[in-house]
Each structure stands twice: as C-alpha cells, then as structure tokens.
Amino acid sequence: MTYPTTTSWQTTVSLILGSNTLSIYGKDAAGNQTGTTTTSILRHKLSDINGDGVIDLTDLSLFGADWQKTAGSLANPLSDMNNDGVVDLTDFSIFAKQYGQ
C-alpha cells in the first residue's frame, strides 16, 4: 500500500472471538473513495494456540514445541502469551490458568 503523503491512519476496533472481516478504504476531503480491500482477522482465546475454541493437550503440545524459544524462532507466535519475546514459565502459568476452558 502506498500513500500520497507521509500521513498515516490508524483506528482501534473491537474483535470478537473467531473470524472478523474488515473492509478498508480511503476517502479524501472531497468525498472521493478508493477501492475497498477486505481482510479477515482470526481472534483466538488466550492459550488456544490452534484456534479450535478449546484449550487442551493439542495446545499444550504446540506450546511445548516452542518452549524456551525466542520470538524469531517460534513455530507459533501465540505460544508467547505475554509478548515478552520468549516462551517461559510466565507463559506456562498463563496457559495453566486457562487450561480446560
């Protein structure tokens, strides 16, 4: 995507669990609108690494594959639940609290 100037835009949107579809377009001061781009964002429950709606042994297995790895080497970035760049005991504590939900 390119912009005609150095201006950038951002907005905060609320996402529901599961699939969220967003339509994005630009509009200038005169009301002229660009074409629309549509994208989907999948929101998982915290600790639901595979996104099936249940935190279970499958998620634990995926989490275990990333144990003690750092952000650049993770098989699944959702294993780093506190986003500190490493999968460690803090992430395991978060996982354990959510397990079975």
PDB file of N, CA and C in Angstrom:
ATOM      1  N   MET A   1       0.849  -1.158   0.000  1.00  0.00           N
ATOM      2  CA  MET A   1       0.000   0.000   0.000  1.00  0.00           C
ATOM      3  C   MET A   1       0.903   1.231   0.000  1.00  0.00           C
ATOM      4  N   THR A   2       0.552   2.239  -0.747  1.00  0.00           N
ATOM      5  CA  THR A   2       1.295   3.491  -0.750  1.00  0.00           C
ATOM      6  C   THR A   2       0.355   4.628  -0.374  1.00  0.00           C
ATOM      7  N   TYR A   3       0.928   5.691   0.094  1.00  0.00           N
ATOM      8  CA  TYR A   3       0.157   6.871   0.498  1.00  0.00           C
ATOM      9  C   TYR A   3       0.625   8.059  -0.331  1.00  0.00           C
ATOM     10  N   PRO A   4      -0.273   8.970  -0.667  1.00  0.00           N
ATOM     11  CA  PRO A   4       0.127  10.139  -1.447  1.00  0.00           C
ATOM     12  C   PRO A   4       0.991  11.121  -0.647  1.00  0.00           C
ATOM     13  N   THR A   5       0.966  11.021   0.653  1.00  0.00           N
ATOM     14  CA  THR A   5       1.775  11.860   1.534  1.00  0.00           C
ATOM     15  C   THR A   5       2.333  10.996   2.646  1.00  0.00           C
ATOM     16  N   THR A   6       3.032  11.608   3.590  1.00  0.00           N
ATOM     17  CA  THR A   6       3.582  10.847   4.709  1.00  0.00           C
ATOM     18  C   THR A   6       2.555  10.620   5.819  1.00  0.00           C
ATOM     19  N   THR A   7       1.324  11.030   5.583  1.00  0.00           N
ATOM     20  CA  THR A   7       0.261  10.836   6.575  1.00  0.00           C
ATOM     21  C   THR A   7      -0.085   9.362   6.705  1.00  0.00           C
ATOM     22  N   SER A   8      -0.329   8.917   7.891  1.00  0.00           N
ATOM     23  CA  SER A   8      -0.802   7.555   8.102  1.00  0.00           C
ATOM     24  C   SER A   8      -2.056   7.602   8.951  1.00  0.00           C
ATOM     25  N   TRP A   9      -2.825   6.555   8.871  1.00  0.00           N
ATOM     26  CA  TRP A   9      -4.083   6.482   9.600  1.00  0.00           C
ATOM     27  C   TRP A   9      -4.099   5.223  10.450  1.00  0.00           C
ATOM     28  N   GLN A  10      -4.779   5.294  11.553  1.00  0.00           N
ATOM     29  CA  GLN A  10      -4.994   4.099  12.361  1.00  0.00           C
ATOM     30  C   GLN A  10      -6.281   4.251  13.139  1.00  0.00           C
ATOM     31  N   THR A  11      -6.858   3.139  13.519  1.00  0.00           N
ATOM     32  CA  THR A  11      -8.056   3.132  14.342  1.00  0.00           C
ATOM     33  C   THR A  11      -8.045   1.875  15.196  1.00  0.00           C
ATOM     34  N   THR A  12      -8.730   1.910  16.300  1.00  0.00           N
ATOM     35  CA  THR A  12      -8.871   0.745  17.161  1.00  0.00           C
ATOM     36  C   THR A  12     -10.249   0.156  16.928  1.00  0.00           C
ATOM     37  N   VAL A  13     -10.302  -1.153  16.708  1.00  0.00           N
ATOM     38  CA  VAL A  13     -11.576  -1.841  16.523  1.00  0.00           C
ATOM     39  C   VAL A  13     -11.660  -2.985  17.524  1.00  0.00           C
ATOM     40  N   SER A  14     -12.859  -3.299  17.949  1.00  0.00           N
ATOM     41  CA  SER A  14     -13.085  -4.433  18.837  1.00  0.00           C
ATOM     42  C   SER A  14     -13.286  -5.678  17.987  1.00  0.00           C
ATOM     43  N   LEU A  15     -12.632  -6.761  18.381  1.00  0.00           N
ATOM     44  CA  LEU A  15     -12.755  -8.020  17.660  1.00  0.00           C
ATOM     45  C   LEU A  15     -13.473  -9.040  18.523  1.00  0.00           C
ATOM     46  N   ILE A  16     -14.330  -9.826  17.905  1.00  0.00           N
ATOM     47  CA  ILE A  16     -14.983 -10.931  18.605  1.00  0.00           C
ATOM     48  C   ILE A  16     -14.096 -12.167  18.476  1.00  0.00           C
ATOM     49  N   LEU A  17     -14.308 -13.163  19.319  1.00  0.00           N
ATOM     50  CA  LEU A  17     -13.593 -14.433  19.163  1.00  0.00           C
ATOM     51  C   LEU A  17     -14.012 -15.061  17.849  1.00  0.00           C
ATOM     52  N   GLY A  18     -13.066 -15.637  17.153  1.00  0.00           N
ATOM     53  CA  GLY A  18     -13.344 -16.244  15.859  1.00  0.00           C
ATOM     54  C   GLY A  18     -12.944 -15.315  14.735  1.00  0.00           C
ATOM     55  N   SER A  19     -13.597 -15.460  13.603  1.00  0.00           N
ATOM     56  CA  SER A  19     -13.241 -14.707  12.405  1.00  0.00           C
ATOM     57  C   SER A  19     -13.886 -13.322  12.407  1.00  0.00           C
ATOM     58  N   ASN A  20     -13.098 -12.315  12.077  1.00  0.00           N
ATOM     59  CA  ASN A  20     -13.550 -10.935  11.964  1.00  0.00           C
ATOM     60  C   ASN A  20     -13.174 -10.443  10.569  1.00  0.00           C
ATOM     61  N   THR A  21     -14.144  -9.932   9.813  1.00  0.00           N
ATOM     62  CA  THR A  21     -13.891  -9.431   8.475  1.00  0.00           C
ATOM     63  C   THR A  21     -13.931  -7.906   8.504  1.00  0.00           C
ATOM     64  N   LEU A  22     -12.874  -7.294   7.964  1.00  0.00           N
ATOM     65  CA  LEU A  22     -12.784  -5.837   7.930  1.00  0.00           C
ATOM     66  C   LEU A  22     -12.705  -5.373   6.487  1.00  0.00           C
ATOM     67  N   SER A  23     -13.422  -4.310   6.154  1.00  0.00           N
ATOM     68  CA  SER A  23     -13.341  -3.673   4.838  1.00  0.00           C
ATOM     69  C   SER A  23     -12.625  -2.344   5.026  1.00  0.00           C
ATOM     70  N   ILE A  24     -11.612  -2.105   4.191  1.00  0.00           N
ATOM     71  CA  ILE A  24     -10.760  -0.937   4.357  1.00  0.00           C
ATOM     72  C   ILE A  24     -10.752  -0.139   3.054  1.00  0.00           C
ATOM     73  N   TYR A  25     -10.924   1.169   3.193  1.00  0.00           N
ATOM     74  CA  TYR A  25     -10.859   2.048   2.029  1.00  0.00           C
ATOM     75  C   TYR A  25     -10.411   3.430   2.482  1.00  0.00           C
ATOM     76  N   GLY A  26      -9.981   4.232   1.533  1.00  0.00           N
ATOM     77  CA  GLY A  26      -9.585   5.602   1.824  1.00  0.00           C
ATOM     78  C   GLY A  26     -10.603   6.572   1.261  1.00  0.00           C
ATOM     79  N   LYS A  27     -10.710   7.729   1.879  1.00  0.00           N
ATOM     80  CA  LYS A  27     -11.627   8.763   1.401  1.00  0.00           C
ATOM     81  C   LYS A  27     -10.947  10.107   1.614  1.00  0.00           C
ATOM     82  N   ASP A  28     -10.970  10.963   0.590  1.00  0.00           N
ATOM     83  CA  ASP A  28     -10.345  12.280   0.726  1.00  0.00           C
ATOM     84  C   ASP A  28     -11.367  13.316   1.187  1.00  0.00           C
ATOM     85  N   ALA A  29     -10.908  14.538   1.368  1.00  0.00           N
ATOM     86  CA  ALA A  29     -11.754  15.613   1.887  1.00  0.00           C
ATOM     87  C   ALA A  29     -12.942  15.907   0.966  1.00  0.00           C
ATOM     88  N   ALA A  30     -12.799  15.609  -0.335  1.00  0.00           N
ATOM     89  CA  ALA A  30     -13.877  15.855  -1.293  1.00  0.00           C
ATOM     90  C   ALA A  30     -14.879  14.701  -1.346  1.00  0.00           C
ATOM     91  N   GLY A  31     -14.628  13.643  -0.579  1.00  0.00           N
ATOM     92  CA  GLY A  31     -15.536  12.503  -0.557  1.00  0.00           C
ATOM     93  C   GLY A  31     -15.210  11.423  -1.565  1.00  0.00           C
ATOM     94  N   ASN A  32     -14.121  11.582  -2.311  1.00  0.00           N
ATOM     95  CA  ASN A  32     -13.707  10.553  -3.266  1.00  0.00           C
ATOM     96  C   ASN A  32     -13.196   9.334  -2.507  1.00  0.00           C
ATOM     97  N   GLN A  33     -13.653   8.174  -2.908  1.00  0.00           N
ATOM     98  CA  GLN A  33     -13.310   6.941  -2.197  1.00  0.00           C
ATOM     99  C   GLN A  33     -12.494   6.010  -3.082  1.00  0.00           C
ATOM    100  N   THR A  34     -11.507   5.363  -2.478  1.00  0.00           N
ATOM    101  CA  THR A  34     -10.708   4.359  -3.176  1.00  0.00           C
ATOM    102  C   THR A  34     -11.485   3.057  -3.267  1.00  0.00           C
ATOM    103  N   GLY A  35     -10.904   2.090  -3.918  1.00  0.00           N
ATOM    104  CA  GLY A  35     -11.473   0.746  -3.917  1.00  0.00           C
ATOM    105  C   GLY A  35     -11.393   0.167  -2.513  1.00  0.00           C
ATOM    106  N   THR A  36     -12.210  -0.811  -2.248  1.00  0.00           N
ATOM    107  CA  THR A  36     -12.262  -1.440  -0.933  1.00  0.00           C
ATOM    108  C   THR A  36     -11.412  -2.708  -0.911  1.00  0.00           C
ATOM    109  N   THR A  37     -10.635  -2.852   0.148  1.00  0.00           N
ATOM    110  CA  THR A  37      -9.883  -4.069   0.402  1.00  0.00           C
ATOM    111  C   THR A  37     -10.512  -4.750   1.603  1.00  0.00           C
ATOM    112  N   THR A  38     -10.723  -6.033   1.507  1.00  0.00           N
ATOM    113  CA  THR A  38     -11.317  -6.785   2.609  1.00  0.00           C
ATOM    114  C   THR A  38     -10.275  -7.750   3.159  1.00  0.00           C
ATOM    115  N   THR A  39     -10.207  -7.831   4.484  1.00  0.00           N
ATOM    116  CA  THR A  39      -9.280  -8.748   5.138  1.00  0.00           C
ATOM    117  C   THR A  39      -9.978  -9.415   6.315  1.00  0.00           C
ATOM    118  N   SER A  40      -9.494 -10.571   6.694  1.00  0.00           N
ATOM    119  CA  SER A  40     -10.051 -11.282   7.845  1.00  0.00           C
ATOM    120  C   SER A  40      -8.985 -11.417   8.926  1.00  0.00           C
ATOM    121  N   ILE A  41      -9.398 -11.258  10.160  1.00  0.00           N
ATOM    122  CA  ILE A  41      -8.524 -11.438  11.316  1.00  0.00           C
ATOM    123  C   ILE A  41      -9.166 -12.493  12.204  1.00  0.00           C
ATOM    124  N   LEU A  42      -8.395 -13.516  12.536  1.00  0.00           N
ATOM    125  CA  LEU A  42      -8.886 -14.588  13.400  1.00  0.00           C
ATOM    126  C   LEU A  42      -8.409 -14.322  14.825  1.00  0.00           C
ATOM    127  N   ARG A  43      -9.348 -14.120  15.741  1.00  0.00           N
ATOM    128  CA  ARG A  43      -9.010 -13.876  17.144  1.00  0.00           C
ATOM    129  C   ARG A  43      -9.201 -15.162  17.943  1.00  0.00           C
ATOM    130  N   HIS A  44      -8.133 -15.572  18.621  1.00  0.00           N
ATOM    131  CA  HIS A  44      -8.165 -16.773  19.457  1.00  0.00           C
ATOM    132  C   HIS A  44      -8.363 -16.386  20.918  1.00  0.00           C
ATOM    133  N   LYS A  45      -8.907 -17.317  21.700  1.00  0.00           N
ATOM    134  CA  LYS A  45      -8.867 -17.171  23.159  1.00  0.00           C
ATOM    135  C   LYS A  45      -7.418 -17.287  23.595  1.00  0.00           C
ATOM    136  N   LEU A  46      -7.048 -16.573  24.652  1.00  0.00           N
ATOM    137  CA  LEU A  46      -5.709 -16.690  25.201  1.00  0.00           C
ATOM    138  C   LEU A  46      -5.433 -18.152  25.530  1.00  0.00           C
ATOM    139  N   SER A  47      -4.331 -18.694  25.077  1.00  0.00           N
ATOM    140  CA  SER A  47      -3.870 -20.080  25.257  1.00  0.00           C
ATOM    141  C   SER A  47      -4.454 -21.071  24.251  1.00  0.00           C
ATOM    142  N   ASP A  48      -5.414 -20.658  23.446  1.00  0.00           N
ATOM    143  CA  ASP A  48      -5.980 -21.541  22.416  1.00  0.00           C
ATOM    144  C   ASP A  48      -5.121 -21.407  21.163  1.00  0.00           C
ATOM    145  N   ILE A  49      -3.974 -22.062  21.177  1.00  0.00           N
ATOM    146  CA  ILE A  49      -2.961 -21.869  20.144  1.00  0.00           C
ATOM    147  C   ILE A  49      -3.432 -22.354  18.769  1.00  0.00           C
ATOM    148  N   ASN A  50      -4.195 -23.445  18.716  1.00  0.00           N
ATOM    149  CA  ASN A  50      -4.641 -23.940  17.412  1.00  0.00           C
ATOM    150  C   ASN A  50      -5.991 -23.362  16.982  1.00  0.00           C
ATOM    151  N   GLY A  51      -6.629 -22.575  17.826  1.00  0.00           N
ATOM    152  CA  GLY A  51      -7.843 -21.862  17.441  1.00  0.00           C
ATOM    153  C   GLY A  51      -9.097 -22.693  17.315  1.00  0.00           C
ATOM    154  N   ASP A  52      -9.160 -23.847  17.994  1.00  0.00           N
ATOM    155  CA  ASP A  52     -10.356 -24.686  17.890  1.00  0.00           C
ATOM    156  C   ASP A  52     -11.402 -24.377  18.962  1.00  0.00           C
ATOM    157  N   GLY A  53     -11.128 -23.385  19.811  1.00  0.00           N
ATOM    158  CA  GLY A  53     -12.090 -22.986  20.831  1.00  0.00           C
ATOM    159  C   GLY A  53     -11.941 -23.698  22.160  1.00  0.00           C
ATOM    160  N   VAL A  54     -11.022 -24.657  22.247  1.00  0.00           N
ATOM    161  CA  VAL A  54     -10.796 -25.413  23.482  1.00  0.00           C
ATOM    162  C   VAL A  54      -9.304 -25.409  23.799  1.00  0.00           C
ATOM    163  N   ILE A  55      -8.965 -25.169  25.046  1.00  0.00           N
ATOM    164  CA  ILE A  55      -7.566 -25.189  25.471  1.00  0.00           C
ATOM    165  C   ILE A  55      -7.299 -26.570  26.053  1.00  0.00           C
ATOM    166  N   ASP A  56      -6.540 -27.375  25.295  1.00  0.00           N
ATOM    167  CA  ASP A  56      -6.382 -28.784  25.648  1.00  0.00           C
ATOM    168  C   ASP A  56      -4.964 -29.273  25.342  1.00  0.00           C
ATOM    169  N   LEU A  57      -4.798 -30.596  25.310  1.00  0.00           N
ATOM    170  CA  LEU A  57      -3.482 -31.190  25.082  1.00  0.00           C
ATOM    171  C   LEU A  57      -2.871 -30.815  23.728  1.00  0.00           C
ATOM    172  N   THR A  58      -3.693 -30.592  22.730  1.00  0.00           N
ATOM    173  CA  THR A  58      -3.165 -30.166  21.429  1.00  0.00           C
ATOM    174  C   THR A  58      -2.458 -28.822  21.571  1.00  0.00           C
ATOM    175  N   ASP A  59      -3.085 -27.890  22.284  1.00  0.00           N
ATOM    176  CA  ASP A  59      -2.464 -26.584  22.518  1.00  0.00           C
ATOM    177  C   ASP A  59      -1.198 -26.727  23.349  1.00  0.00           C
ATOM    178  N   LEU A  60      -1.237 -27.616  24.346  1.00  0.00           N
ATOM    179  CA  LEU A  60      -0.053 -27.848  25.182  1.00  0.00           C
ATOM    180  C   LEU A  60       1.098 -28.395  24.342  1.00  0.00           C
ATOM    181  N   SER A  61       0.786 -29.285  23.404  1.00  0.00           N
ATOM    182  CA  SER A  61       1.813 -29.837  22.528  1.00  0.00           C
ATOM    183  C   SER A  61       2.436 -28.740  21.662  1.00  0.00           C
ATOM    184  N   LEU A  62       1.624 -27.877  21.107  1.00  0.00           N
ATOM    185  CA  LEU A  62       2.129 -26.762  20.302  1.00  0.00           C
ATOM    186  C   LEU A  62       2.969 -25.814  21.157  1.00  0.00           C
ATOM    187  N   PHE A  63       2.495 -25.562  22.366  1.00  0.00           N
ATOM    188  CA  PHE A  63       3.229 -24.719  23.310  1.00  0.00           C
ATOM    189  C   PHE A  63       4.590 -25.341  23.631  1.00  0.00           C
ATOM    190  N   GLY A  64       4.592 -26.650  23.893  1.00  0.00           N
ATOM    191  CA  GLY A  64       5.835 -27.356  24.232  1.00  0.00           C
ATOM    192  C   GLY A  64       6.877 -27.285  23.122  1.00  0.00           C
ATOM    193  N   ALA A  65       6.429 -27.286  21.879  1.00  0.00           N
ATOM    194  CA  ALA A  65       7.362 -27.198  20.753  1.00  0.00           C
ATOM    195  C   ALA A  65       8.093 -25.854  20.732  1.00  0.00           C
ATOM    196  N   ASP A  66       7.522 -24.842  21.362  1.00  0.00           N
ATOM    197  CA  ASP A  66       8.138 -23.507  21.397  1.00  0.00           C
ATOM    198  C   ASP A  66       8.821 -23.198  22.730  1.00  0.00           C
ATOM    199  N   TRP A  67       8.823 -24.140  23.652  1.00  0.00           N
ATOM    200  CA  TRP A  67       9.371 -23.912  24.986  1.00  0.00           C
ATOM    201  C   TRP A  67      10.811 -23.390  24.922  1.00  0.00           C
ATOM    202  N   GLN A  68      11.062 -22.306  25.623  1.00  0.00           N
ATOM    203  CA  GLN A  68      12.368 -21.647  25.751  1.00  0.00           C
ATOM    204  C   GLN A  68      12.883 -21.034  24.444  1.00  0.00           C
ATOM    205  N   LYS A  69      12.045 -20.952  23.429  1.00  0.00           N
ATOM    206  CA  LYS A  69      12.442 -20.306  22.183  1.00  0.00           C
ATOM    207  C   LYS A  69      12.132 -18.810  22.259  1.00  0.00           C
ATOM    208  N   THR A  70      12.813 -18.062  21.408  1.00  0.00           N
ATOM    209  CA  THR A  70      12.598 -16.616  21.357  1.00  0.00           C
ATOM    210  C   THR A  70      11.761 -16.255  20.140  1.00  0.00           C
ATOM    211  N   ALA A  71      11.311 -15.007  20.111  1.00  0.00           N
ATOM    212  CA  ALA A  71      10.362 -14.540  19.101  1.00  0.00           C
ATOM    213  C   ALA A  71      10.739 -14.910  17.676  1.00  0.00           C
ATOM    214  N   GLY A  72      11.990 -14.803  17.294  1.00  0.00           N
ATOM    215  CA  GLY A  72      12.390 -15.089  15.922  1.00  0.00           C
ATOM    216  C   GLY A  72      12.363 -16.563  15.542  1.00  0.00           C
ATOM    217  N   SER A  73      12.307 -17.452  16.517  1.00  0.00           N
ATOM    218  CA  SER A  73      12.385 -18.885  16.218  1.00  0.00           C
ATOM    219  C   SER A  73      11.130 -19.670  16.599  1.00  0.00           C
ATOM    220  N   LEU A  74      10.057 -18.985  16.958  1.00  0.00           N
ATOM    221  CA  LEU A  74       8.835 -19.667  17.382  1.00  0.00           C
ATOM    222  C   LEU A  74       8.117 -20.329  16.213  1.00  0.00           C
ATOM    223  N   ALA A  75       7.670 -21.554  16.403  1.00  0.00           N
ATOM    224  CA  ALA A  75       6.829 -22.219  15.408  1.00  0.00           C
ATOM    225  C   ALA A  75       5.450 -21.558  15.386  1.00  0.00           C
ATOM    226  N   ASN A  76       4.994 -21.104  16.561  1.00  0.00           N
ATOM    227  CA  ASN A  76       3.703 -20.432  16.654  1.00  0.00           C
ATOM    228  C   ASN A  76       3.819 -19.245  17.599  1.00  0.00           C
ATOM    229  N   PRO A  77       3.708 -18.027  17.098  1.00  0.00           N
ATOM    230  CA  PRO A  77       3.862 -16.841  17.950  1.00  0.00           C
ATOM    231  C   PRO A  77       2.850 -16.767  19.103  1.00  0.00           C
ATOM    232  N   LEU A  78       1.729 -17.500  19.008  1.00  0.00           N
ATOM    233  CA  LEU A  78       0.740 -17.480  20.085  1.00  0.00           C
ATOM    234  C   LEU A  78       1.244 -18.171  21.343  1.00  0.00           C
ATOM    235  N   SER A  79       2.367 -18.893  21.249  1.00  0.00           N
ATOM    236  CA  SER A  79       2.958 -19.526  22.431  1.00  0.00           C
ATOM    237  C   SER A  79       3.520 -18.495  23.404  1.00  0.00           C
ATOM    238  N   ASP A  80       3.932 -17.348  22.898  1.00  0.00           N
ATOM    239  CA  ASP A  80       4.445 -16.256  23.742  1.00  0.00           C
ATOM    240  C   ASP A  80       3.260 -15.406  24.182  1.00  0.00           C
ATOM    241  N   MET A  81       2.593 -15.844  25.223  1.00  0.00           N
ATOM    242  CA  MET A  81       1.313 -15.262  25.616  1.00  0.00           C
ATOM    243  C   MET A  81       1.402 -13.881  26.243  1.00  0.00           C
ATOM    244  N   ASN A  82       2.551 -13.525  26.793  1.00  0.00           N
ATOM    245  CA  ASN A  82       2.700 -12.184  27.360  1.00  0.00           C
ATOM    246  C   ASN A  82       3.535 -11.273  26.458  1.00  0.00           C
ATOM    247  N   ASN A  83       3.867 -11.760  25.274  1.00  0.00           N
ATOM    248  CA  ASN A  83       4.581 -10.962  24.258  1.00  0.00           C
ATOM    249  C   ASN A  83       5.887 -10.350  24.753  1.00  0.00           C
ATOM    250  N   ASP A  84       6.648 -11.107  25.548  1.00  0.00           N
ATOM    251  CA  ASP A  84       7.933 -10.578  26.019  1.00  0.00           C
ATOM    252  C   ASP A  84       9.100 -11.104  25.199  1.00  0.00           C
ATOM    253  N   GLY A  85       8.816 -11.899  24.163  1.00  0.00           N
ATOM    254  CA  GLY A  85       9.864 -12.359  23.266  1.00  0.00           C
ATOM    255  C   GLY A  85      10.455 -13.715  23.585  1.00  0.00           C
ATOM    256  N   VAL A  86       9.982 -14.365  24.637  1.00  0.00           N
ATOM    257  CA  VAL A  86      10.482 -15.695  24.980  1.00  0.00           C
ATOM    258  C   VAL A  86       9.342 -16.523  25.578  1.00  0.00           C
ATOM    259  N   VAL A  87       9.311 -17.814  25.259  1.00  0.00           N
ATOM    260  CA  VAL A  87       8.308 -18.719  25.828  1.00  0.00           C
ATOM    261  C   VAL A  87       8.918 -19.328  27.085  1.00  0.00           C
ATOM    262  N   ASP A  88       8.366 -18.953  28.243  1.00  0.00           N
ATOM    263  CA  ASP A  88       8.961 -19.341  29.514  1.00  0.00           C
ATOM    264  C   ASP A  88       7.889 -19.642  30.563  1.00  0.00           C
ATOM    265  N   LEU A  89       8.300 -19.662  31.828  1.00  0.00           N
ATOM    266  CA  LEU A  89       7.375 -20.011  32.916  1.00  0.00           C
ATOM    267  C   LEU A  89       6.196 -19.050  33.045  1.00  0.00           C
ATOM    268  N   THR A  90       6.394 -17.801  32.697  1.00  0.00           N
ATOM    269  CA  THR A  90       5.275 -16.860  32.744  1.00  0.00           C
ATOM    270  C   THR A  90       4.193 -17.286  31.756  1.00  0.00           C
ATOM    271  N   ASP A  91       4.613 -17.652  30.551  1.00  0.00           N
ATOM    272  CA  ASP A  91       3.654 -18.121  29.548  1.00  0.00           C
ATOM    273  C   ASP A  91       2.998 -19.426  29.992  1.00  0.00           C
ATOM    274  N   PHE A  92       3.784 -20.313  30.596  1.00  0.00           N
ATOM    275  CA  PHE A  92       3.214 -21.572  31.082  1.00  0.00           C
ATOM    276  C   PHE A  92       2.181 -21.323  32.176  1.00  0.00           C
ATOM    277  N   SER A  93       2.442 -20.376  33.045  1.00  0.00           N
ATOM    278  CA  SER A  93       1.495 -20.022  34.093  1.00  0.00           C
ATOM    279  C   SER A  93       0.181 -19.527  33.491  1.00  0.00           C
ATOM    280  N   ILE A  94       0.274 -18.698  32.460  1.00  0.00           N
ATOM    281  CA  ILE A  94      -0.922 -18.211  31.767  1.00  0.00           C
ATOM    282  C   ILE A  94      -1.665 -19.385  31.147  1.00  0.00           C
ATOM    283  N   PHE A  95      -0.931 -20.277  30.484  1.00  0.00           N
ATOM    284  CA  PHE A  95      -1.533 -21.447  29.860  1.00  0.00           C
ATOM    285  C   PHE A  95      -2.245 -22.320  30.900  1.00  0.00           C
ATOM    286  N   ALA A  96      -1.557 -22.603  32.009  1.00  0.00           N
ATOM    287  CA  ALA A  96      -2.113 -23.472  33.053  1.00  0.00           C
ATOM    288  C   ALA A  96      -3.418 -22.906  33.609  1.00  0.00           C
ATOM    289  N   LYS A  97      -3.469 -21.593  33.782  1.00  0.00           N
ATOM    290  CA  LYS A  97      -4.694 -20.959  34.305  1.00  0.00           C
ATOM    291  C   LYS A  97      -5.861 -21.117  33.331  1.00  0.00           C
ATOM    292  N   GLN A  98      -5.577 -21.116  32.034  1.00  0.00           N
ATOM    293  CA  GLN A  98      -6.626 -21.197  31.013  1.00  0.00           C
ATOM    294  C   GLN A  98      -6.995 -22.630  30.638  1.00  0.00           C
ATOM    295  N   TYR A  99      -6.153 -23.609  31.007  1.00  0.00           N
ATOM    296  CA  TYR A  99      -6.330 -24.986  30.552  1.00  0.00           C
ATOM    297  C   TYR A  99      -7.732 -25.524  30.875  1.00  0.00           C
ATOM    298  N   GLY A 100      -8.341 -26.167  29.891  1.00  0.00           N
ATOM    299  CA  GLY A 100      -9.652 -26.781  30.064  1.00  0.00           C
ATOM    300  C   GLY A 100     -10.813 -25.867  29.786  1.00  0.00           C
ATOM    301  N   GLN A 101     -10.550 -24.640  29.469  1.00  0.00           N
ATOM    302  CA  GLN A 101     -11.637 -23.691  29.202  1.00  0.00           C
ATOM    303  C   GLN A 101     -11.993 -23.662  27.741  1.00  0.00           C
TER     304      GLN A 101
END
